[in-house]
């Protein structure tokens, strides 16, 4: 998609080009018309002057008092020509030499304008006027070479073109400066959106913005604030629900331990109560996924991972687990902190559950946020791996409270358009989980 600045610039270039083209065409037509009108007026004046100095003998033979005629008609091919047609003869200007001008018959009082070729095939403007003198019809044709006028118009056209290019370049330069200044608030807002997306700021600046842009920024801030309030209310409500259900569930669990309850009913109640508790915990975790609807903070991954590993070490203190984790360098990742901890916590909890003694965590820099988690546990069969690749199911559904919470992991990754892959670890022999999330998504 083209930028707004590029669209405005091209729009102005096209509009200015069309305007200058129309202006050039209008100037061309106007100058040609005005020049030709001036020449026609002068040629008609010359024709009127010639008729006054034309002498007709008694038999109608024409003679011309050339001493009273302009000298421009004397040099051969001077570019100024005349032809006089009378009943008893035809007179030609000396400038025609041995050439002639084609006659276009007219009647007395009629004037005709045309563009014949001259004696040397040069373009001419000819004016033919009909007169009646001493009772005889007289036709006078005056012509002038247009070569000089056409050359002058061509030079003027070139000068006009160069001047237009200079003016157009100047206007485009001014327009570029004005566009940059006018669109500077948009660029500032775009940069703020980048910072907002990365979690560096929580709201967009609303001050010193154009009136056209202020409502948009205000609406974005309002939507984000409303969304954050809804998320916070949802999390608080779910926390309150969990707290409210905790006591009844505890009572149910204690009831199942009572000796008065028959053993089959005790087992059934105990199993279903634990299942209800697990379902509530799972749905609470799902509901707390913020996902892409909220801007995330840029995470300090080494710090978060160190705390998470320390917590898991305490939880699985009965197992001799060793975590191999190298803090990534220059790795940027922005998302909701609780989403990240929920994702990593589920994956690492499963690795801790199945690992014998070693777990490896590797973050790989690149175009996407990519990491792998490996353990030295029993891994999974091809059937199990195929089942994990195609569905949101646990590795071992028979083990209550353990295994890979794939439903939660998939919920989080779906929100961030991420992908998860399962395979057998080539180095540790257990399960290897690969997670990839596009960083340009945030």
Foldseek 3Di string as FASTA:
>chain_A
DDDPLVVVLVVVLVVLVVVLVVVLVVVLVVLVVVVLVVVQVVQVVLVVVFVVQWDADPVGDIDGPCVPHDCCLADACSQKWKWKDWPRDIDIGCNLPPHDDDDDDDAAPDKDWDWAAHSVRATKIKIWHWHADPNIIMIMIIIGGCPVVVVVSVVVSVVSVVVSVVVSVVVSVVVSVVSCVVCVLVVVQVVVVVCQQQVVDVATDQPPDDPVCNVVRVVVSVVQVVLVVVLVVQLVVLVVVLVVVPVVLVVQLVVLVDPVDDVVVSVVSNVVSLVVNVVSVLVSLLSNQSFSPGRFHWDPVVVLVVVLVVVVCVVVVVAQADEAEDRDDPDTAGDHPSLVCVLVNLVVQQQSVFARHYKYKDFDDDQWGKIKIAGLGQADDPVLQVDVQPDQDFSDPVDRPYGHRSVSNVSNCVSQVKDKHWDADPPRGHIMIMIIGRRVSD
